[in-house]
Amino acid sequence: MYDVVIVGGGPAGFTAALYAARAKLDTLLIEKMVSGGQMATTYVMENYPGFAEPISGPDLALRMEKQARRFGAQVLNDTVVDLQLDKVKKEIKTTKDILYSKTVILCMGAKPRELGCPGEKELKGSGVSYCATCDGAFFKDRIVAVVGGGDTAAEDALYLTRFCPKVYLIHRRDSLRATKVLQEAVFSNDKIEVVWDSVVEEIHGRFDVEGIKVKNVKTDESRKIEAEGVFVAIGVVPNTELVKGKVELNQAGYIITDDSMQTNIFGVYAAGDIREKVLRQVITAASDGAVAAYMAERYIVENRW
């Protein structure tokens, strides 16, 4: 039986693994895909403390994993299919095994929100993408569109101008939600055209994206934009399917915790983008992970395991 099992290998998960392992707890982190979570899809990070020069998300993710492993944390690449959390001994079922732990830290993160329009699912991976840094280079010398108005959408639009001669930024409102610095960069870039007050009605194409139909929400007028790629950046949805009915969630589906990352079940904690919080950034996820690991250690000590 482990002292701590961490589900999810993003910045919250690996920080929790680091702190738990340094506390000499028998620590296992389970990650179903590549290390880093959404951080691993970020091409350039300029706001993570300690790096005078920008660092890529994948590079930072590998450093976090290496650091956690150095202190003895184990990493398992597998998928958790079920959790039994309401008993003193927590049960974690993966596709290959059933594991037991004194505590569990939930760090499953979030996934991109979809548009839900015709053509999106059919052309996913054939011109429809949710990660500009992952797929942007494939659209060299092509016209593309980014959907959204927050930081991610602005960053994606700016990043895509490295490869694309024209980038449409489609936003449903008449002002961006992105930070002022990013807004200034977008407005000063001649390759970016902002399409205000508009939503995507349909994505056209037989085998690949050939264009999109957008509708102005104020005038109800529709127009077609010629584009060969659509990058969706309209927010995220928490990956809480695994714990629905097991821990308390808010109306948006995020896990409710207190300031100690404690869920409504003793010995079960949540950290990072999966929990209800004001700001979702790599640094806040890392902070959550550190707190969760510390509280897991205290739980074990206080219960005299």
Protein backbone atom coordinates (compact mmCIF):
# COMPACT_ATOMS: atom_id res chain seq x y z
CA MET A 1 0.00 0.00 0.00
CA TYR A 2 1.28 3.45 -0.95
CA ASP A 3 1.29 6.49 1.28
CA VAL A 4 0.22 8.78 -1.55
CA VAL A 5 -1.18 8.06 -4.99
CA ILE A 6 -1.41 11.05 -7.33
CA VAL A 7 -3.72 10.83 -10.34
CA GLY A 8 -2.45 13.09 -13.12
CA GLY A 9 1.00 14.22 -14.21
CA GLY A 10 0.67 17.95 -14.78
CA PRO A 11 2.41 20.66 -12.74
CA ALA A 12 0.12 20.03 -9.77
CA GLY A 13 0.75 16.30 -9.86
CA PHE A 14 4.52 16.46 -10.17
CA THR A 15 4.85 19.15 -7.52
CA ALA A 16 2.77 17.00 -5.17
CA ALA A 17 4.98 14.03 -6.04
CA LEU A 18 8.11 16.06 -5.32
CA TYR A 19 6.90 17.26 -1.93
CA ALA A 20 5.53 13.87 -0.90
CA ALA A 21 8.68 12.01 -1.94
CA ARG A 22 10.93 14.52 -0.17
CA ALA A 23 8.88 13.87 2.97
CA LYS A 24 9.87 10.19 2.63
CA LEU A 25 6.36 9.09 1.74
CA ASP A 26 5.93 6.10 -0.57
CA THR A 27 4.65 8.04 -3.57
CA LEU A 28 3.15 6.91 -6.88
CA LEU A 29 2.04 9.23 -9.70
CA ILE A 30 -0.20 7.80 -12.41
CA GLU A 31 -0.31 9.57 -15.78
CA LYS A 32 -2.19 8.13 -18.76
CA MET A 33 -0.43 10.19 -21.43
CA VAL A 34 2.69 12.36 -21.56
CA SER A 35 3.98 14.30 -18.58
CA GLY A 36 2.96 17.91 -18.20
CA GLY A 37 -0.77 17.98 -18.94
CA GLN A 38 -1.81 21.19 -20.69
CA MET A 39 1.56 22.67 -19.77
CA ALA A 40 3.15 20.28 -22.26
CA THR A 41 1.19 21.96 -25.08
CA THR A 42 2.55 25.42 -24.30
CA TYR A 43 5.30 26.48 -26.68
CA VAL A 44 6.74 29.35 -24.66
CA MET A 45 6.33 30.16 -20.98
CA GLU A 46 7.50 33.57 -19.80
CA ASN A 47 5.70 33.88 -16.47
CA TYR A 48 7.01 30.91 -14.48
CA PRO A 49 9.39 32.21 -11.79
CA GLY A 50 13.06 31.33 -11.91
CA PHE A 51 13.64 31.51 -15.66
CA ALA A 52 15.07 34.77 -16.95
CA GLU A 53 14.62 33.46 -20.49
CA PRO A 54 11.44 31.73 -21.72
CA ILE A 55 11.14 27.97 -21.27
CA SER A 56 8.92 25.61 -23.22
CA GLY A 57 6.13 23.72 -21.51
CA PRO A 58 7.46 20.27 -22.48
CA ASP A 59 10.92 21.18 -21.16
CA LEU A 60 9.54 22.36 -17.82
CA ALA A 61 7.39 19.22 -17.59
CA LEU A 62 10.40 16.95 -18.07
CA ARG A 63 12.35 18.89 -15.46
CA MET A 64 9.51 18.52 -12.97
CA GLU A 65 9.29 14.79 -13.58
CA LYS A 66 13.04 14.31 -13.28
CA GLN A 67 13.11 16.27 -10.02
CA ALA A 68 10.27 14.24 -8.50
CA ARG A 69 11.90 10.97 -9.54
CA ARG A 70 15.20 12.07 -7.99
CA PHE A 71 13.56 12.08 -4.57
CA GLY A 72 12.04 8.64 -5.06
CA ALA A 73 8.62 9.28 -6.57
CA GLN A 74 7.47 6.47 -8.85
CA VAL A 75 5.71 7.23 -12.13
CA LEU A 76 3.28 4.81 -13.74
CA ASN A 77 1.94 5.30 -17.27
CA ASP A 78 -1.53 3.84 -17.08
CA THR A 79 -5.18 4.92 -17.03
CA VAL A 80 -7.19 5.05 -13.83
CA VAL A 81 -10.62 3.59 -14.56
CA ASP A 82 -12.20 3.67 -11.10
CA LEU A 83 -11.64 5.05 -7.61
CA GLN A 84 -13.04 3.93 -4.27
CA LEU A 85 -12.39 6.86 -1.96
CA ASP A 86 -14.90 6.65 0.85
CA LYS A 87 -12.99 4.05 2.86
CA VAL A 88 -9.91 4.53 5.02
CA LYS A 89 -7.87 2.47 2.55
CA LYS A 90 -8.33 4.10 -0.86
CA GLU A 91 -8.63 1.82 -3.88
CA ILE A 92 -7.29 2.89 -7.28
CA LYS A 93 -8.18 0.67 -10.21
CA THR A 94 -6.18 1.03 -13.43
CA THR A 95 -6.42 -0.85 -16.70
CA LYS A 96 -3.72 -3.23 -15.44
CA ASP A 97 -3.98 -3.43 -11.65
CA ILE A 98 -5.72 -2.51 -8.41
CA LEU A 99 -3.65 -0.32 -6.09
CA TYR A 100 -4.20 0.84 -2.52
CA SER A 101 -3.15 4.03 -0.79
CA LYS A 102 -3.56 5.90 2.48
CA THR A 103 -4.24 9.15 0.60
CA VAL A 104 -5.14 10.22 -2.93
CA ILE A 105 -4.40 13.55 -4.65
CA LEU A 106 -6.57 14.25 -7.69
CA CYS A 107 -4.70 16.20 -10.37
CA MET A 108 -6.47 15.22 -13.58
CA GLY A 109 -6.57 18.78 -14.88
CA ALA A 110 -8.91 19.98 -17.60
CA LYS A 111 -9.47 19.54 -21.32
CA PRO A 112 -10.27 22.05 -24.08
CA ARG A 113 -13.88 23.09 -24.49
CA GLU A 114 -15.37 22.29 -27.90
CA LEU A 115 -17.40 24.59 -30.14
CA GLY A 116 -20.17 22.06 -30.71
CA CYS A 117 -20.82 23.19 -34.28
CA PRO A 118 -21.30 21.06 -37.41
CA GLY A 119 -18.04 19.91 -38.95
CA GLU A 120 -15.98 20.17 -35.75
CA LYS A 121 -15.91 16.50 -34.80
CA GLU A 122 -15.72 15.33 -38.40
CA LEU A 123 -12.63 17.46 -39.11
CA LYS A 124 -10.89 17.09 -35.75
CA GLY A 125 -7.28 16.31 -36.55
CA SER A 126 -7.84 17.31 -40.19
CA GLY A 127 -7.65 21.04 -39.71
CA VAL A 128 -9.49 21.43 -36.40
CA SER A 129 -7.07 21.66 -33.49
CA TYR A 130 -7.11 22.58 -29.81
CA CYS A 131 -3.37 23.12 -29.52
CA ALA A 132 -1.67 25.73 -31.66
CA THR A 133 1.77 24.91 -30.30
CA CYS A 134 1.26 21.25 -31.13
CA ASP A 135 -0.06 21.66 -34.66
CA GLY A 136 0.80 25.18 -35.79
CA ALA A 137 3.85 24.19 -37.82
CA PHE A 138 1.67 21.97 -40.03
CA PHE A 139 -0.11 25.07 -41.33
CA LYS A 140 2.88 26.88 -42.75
CA ASP A 141 1.89 29.37 -45.45
CA ARG A 142 -1.82 28.72 -44.86
CA ILE A 143 -4.61 30.97 -43.65
CA VAL A 144 -6.02 29.91 -40.30
CA ALA A 145 -8.55 31.04 -37.68
CA VAL A 146 -8.40 31.08 -33.90
CA VAL A 147 -11.63 31.07 -31.90
CA GLY A 148 -11.66 32.75 -28.50
CA GLY A 149 -10.86 35.99 -26.72
CA GLY A 150 -8.79 35.10 -23.67
CA ASP A 151 -5.08 34.76 -23.04
CA THR A 152 -4.81 31.38 -24.75
CA ALA A 153 -6.57 32.58 -27.91
CA ALA A 154 -4.37 35.68 -28.11
CA GLU A 155 -1.21 33.65 -27.50
CA ASP A 156 -2.27 31.11 -30.13
CA ALA A 157 -2.96 33.82 -32.71
CA LEU A 158 0.42 35.43 -32.09
CA TYR A 159 2.20 32.09 -32.23
CA LEU A 160 0.54 31.11 -35.51
CA THR A 161 1.78 34.29 -37.22
CA ARG A 162 5.21 32.65 -37.17
CA PHE A 163 3.97 30.22 -39.81
CA CYS A 164 0.85 31.70 -41.35
CA PRO A 165 0.44 34.77 -43.60
CA LYS A 166 -3.02 35.50 -42.15
CA VAL A 167 -4.69 34.67 -38.84
CA TYR A 168 -8.33 35.46 -38.08
CA LEU A 169 -9.16 35.84 -34.39
CA ILE A 170 -12.87 35.22 -33.95
CA HIS A 171 -14.43 36.46 -30.72
CA ARG A 172 -18.08 36.56 -29.70
CA ARG A 173 -17.75 39.90 -27.90
CA ASP A 174 -16.58 43.39 -28.88
CA SER A 175 -13.49 43.32 -26.66
CA LEU A 176 -10.89 40.71 -25.78
CA ARG A 177 -10.56 39.18 -22.32
CA ALA A 178 -6.82 38.68 -22.74
CA THR A 179 -4.34 40.68 -20.67
CA LYS A 180 -3.48 44.16 -21.91
CA VAL A 181 0.03 43.09 -22.93
CA LEU A 182 -1.35 40.35 -25.17
CA GLN A 183 -4.05 42.63 -26.57
CA GLU A 184 -1.47 45.21 -27.58
CA ALA A 185 0.61 42.51 -29.27
CA VAL A 186 -2.44 41.24 -31.18
CA PHE A 187 -3.58 44.68 -32.34
CA SER A 188 -0.09 45.64 -33.48
CA ASN A 189 0.39 42.48 -35.54
CA ASP A 190 -0.52 43.07 -39.19
CA LYS A 191 -1.10 39.38 -39.81
CA ILE A 192 -3.97 39.17 -37.30
CA GLU A 193 -7.50 40.27 -38.17
CA VAL A 194 -9.98 40.28 -35.29
CA VAL A 195 -13.54 39.28 -36.19
CA TRP A 196 -15.66 40.88 -33.47
CA ASP A 197 -19.08 39.85 -32.12
CA SER A 198 -19.01 36.59 -34.01
CA VAL A 199 -19.41 32.86 -33.41
CA VAL A 200 -18.54 29.89 -35.61
CA GLU A 201 -21.70 28.33 -37.05
CA GLU A 202 -20.11 25.64 -39.17
CA ILE A 203 -16.74 24.32 -40.29
CA HIS A 204 -16.65 23.36 -43.96
CA GLY A 205 -14.58 20.72 -45.68
CA ARG A 206 -14.81 17.18 -46.98
CA PHE A 207 -11.48 15.73 -45.89
CA ASP A 208 -9.76 18.84 -44.54
CA VAL A 209 -10.91 22.25 -43.38
CA GLU A 210 -11.73 24.47 -46.34
CA GLY A 211 -13.49 27.33 -44.62
CA ILE A 212 -15.73 28.40 -41.77
CA LYS A 213 -19.11 30.06 -41.54
CA VAL A 214 -19.33 32.75 -38.86
CA LYS A 215 -22.34 34.64 -37.60
CA ASN A 216 -22.38 38.15 -36.16
CA VAL A 217 -24.37 37.90 -32.92
CA LYS A 218 -25.50 41.54 -33.14
CA THR A 219 -26.62 41.71 -36.77
CA ASP A 220 -27.39 37.99 -37.38
CA GLU A 221 -25.45 38.28 -40.63
CA SER A 222 -23.36 35.28 -41.68
CA ARG A 223 -20.20 35.20 -43.75
CA LYS A 224 -17.73 32.61 -44.94
CA ILE A 225 -14.06 32.89 -44.11
CA GLU A 226 -11.58 31.01 -46.25
CA ALA A 227 -9.28 29.16 -43.85
CA GLU A 228 -7.50 25.82 -43.84
CA GLY A 229 -7.15 25.51 -40.10
CA VAL A 230 -9.30 26.25 -37.04
CA PHE A 231 -7.73 26.49 -33.60
CA VAL A 232 -10.27 26.41 -30.77
CA ALA A 233 -9.34 28.28 -27.58
CA ILE A 234 -12.59 28.94 -25.74
CA GLY A 235 -11.73 27.58 -22.33
CA VAL A 236 -11.48 24.24 -20.61
CA VAL A 237 -13.68 21.59 -19.00
CA PRO A 238 -12.51 19.81 -15.84
CA ASN A 239 -11.62 16.12 -16.16
CA THR A 240 -13.88 15.06 -13.32
CA GLU A 241 -15.81 12.21 -14.97
CA LEU A 242 -13.85 9.76 -12.84
CA VAL A 243 -14.99 11.30 -9.56
CA LYS A 244 -18.57 12.34 -10.29
CA GLY A 245 -20.68 11.13 -7.39
CA LYS A 246 -17.54 10.41 -5.37
CA VAL A 247 -16.39 13.90 -4.33
CA GLU A 248 -18.26 17.19 -4.17
CA LEU A 249 -18.28 19.24 -7.39
CA ASN A 250 -19.53 22.74 -8.15
CA GLN A 251 -22.05 23.53 -10.91
CA ALA A 252 -19.28 23.84 -13.50
CA GLY A 253 -17.95 20.41 -12.59
CA TYR A 254 -14.83 21.49 -10.70
CA ILE A 255 -13.88 19.78 -7.44
CA ILE A 256 -14.67 21.82 -4.34
CA THR A 257 -11.82 22.01 -1.82
CA ASP A 258 -10.85 24.17 1.11
CA ASP A 259 -7.59 26.14 1.26
CA SER A 260 -5.82 22.94 2.32
CA MET A 261 -6.86 21.21 -0.94
CA GLN A 262 -9.06 18.91 1.15
CA THR A 263 -12.16 17.56 -0.61
CA ASN A 264 -15.27 16.51 1.27
CA ILE A 265 -13.63 13.11 1.86
CA PHE A 266 -10.85 12.79 4.44
CA GLY A 267 -7.56 11.71 2.92
CA VAL A 268 -8.58 12.84 -0.57
CA TYR A 269 -7.20 16.08 -1.99
CA ALA A 270 -7.46 17.92 -5.30
CA ALA A 271 -4.91 20.23 -6.89
CA GLY A 272 -4.50 22.24 -10.07
CA ASP A 273 -6.98 23.04 -12.82
CA ILE A 274 -9.41 20.36 -11.70
CA ARG A 275 -10.44 22.24 -8.57
CA GLU A 276 -12.62 25.32 -8.03
CA LYS A 277 -10.29 28.34 -7.98
CA VAL A 278 -9.84 31.90 -9.24
CA LEU A 279 -6.69 31.54 -11.36
CA ARG A 280 -5.59 28.52 -13.40
CA GLN A 281 -1.92 28.84 -14.22
CA VAL A 282 1.11 26.55 -13.96
CA ILE A 283 2.35 28.38 -10.88
CA THR A 284 -1.00 28.09 -9.05
CA ALA A 285 -1.20 24.41 -9.96
CA ALA A 286 2.27 23.85 -8.53
CA SER A 287 1.27 25.69 -5.37
CA ASP A 288 -1.83 23.52 -5.01
CA GLY A 289 0.27 20.39 -5.42
CA ALA A 290 2.69 21.43 -2.68
CA VAL A 291 -0.14 22.17 -0.26
CA ALA A 292 -1.94 18.91 -1.07
CA ALA A 293 1.19 16.83 -0.45
CA TYR A 294 1.86 18.61 2.84
CA MET A 295 -1.69 18.01 4.00
CA ALA A 296 -1.54 14.36 2.93
CA GLU A 297 1.59 13.95 5.06
CA ARG A 298 -0.16 15.56 8.03
CA TYR A 299 -3.18 13.29 7.56
CA ILE A 300 -0.98 10.21 7.66
CA VAL A 301 0.92 11.38 10.74
CA GLU A 302 -2.20 12.44 12.63
CA ASN A 303 -3.90 9.13 11.93
CA ARG A 304 -0.79 7.21 13.04
CA TRP A 305 -0.56 4.95 10.02
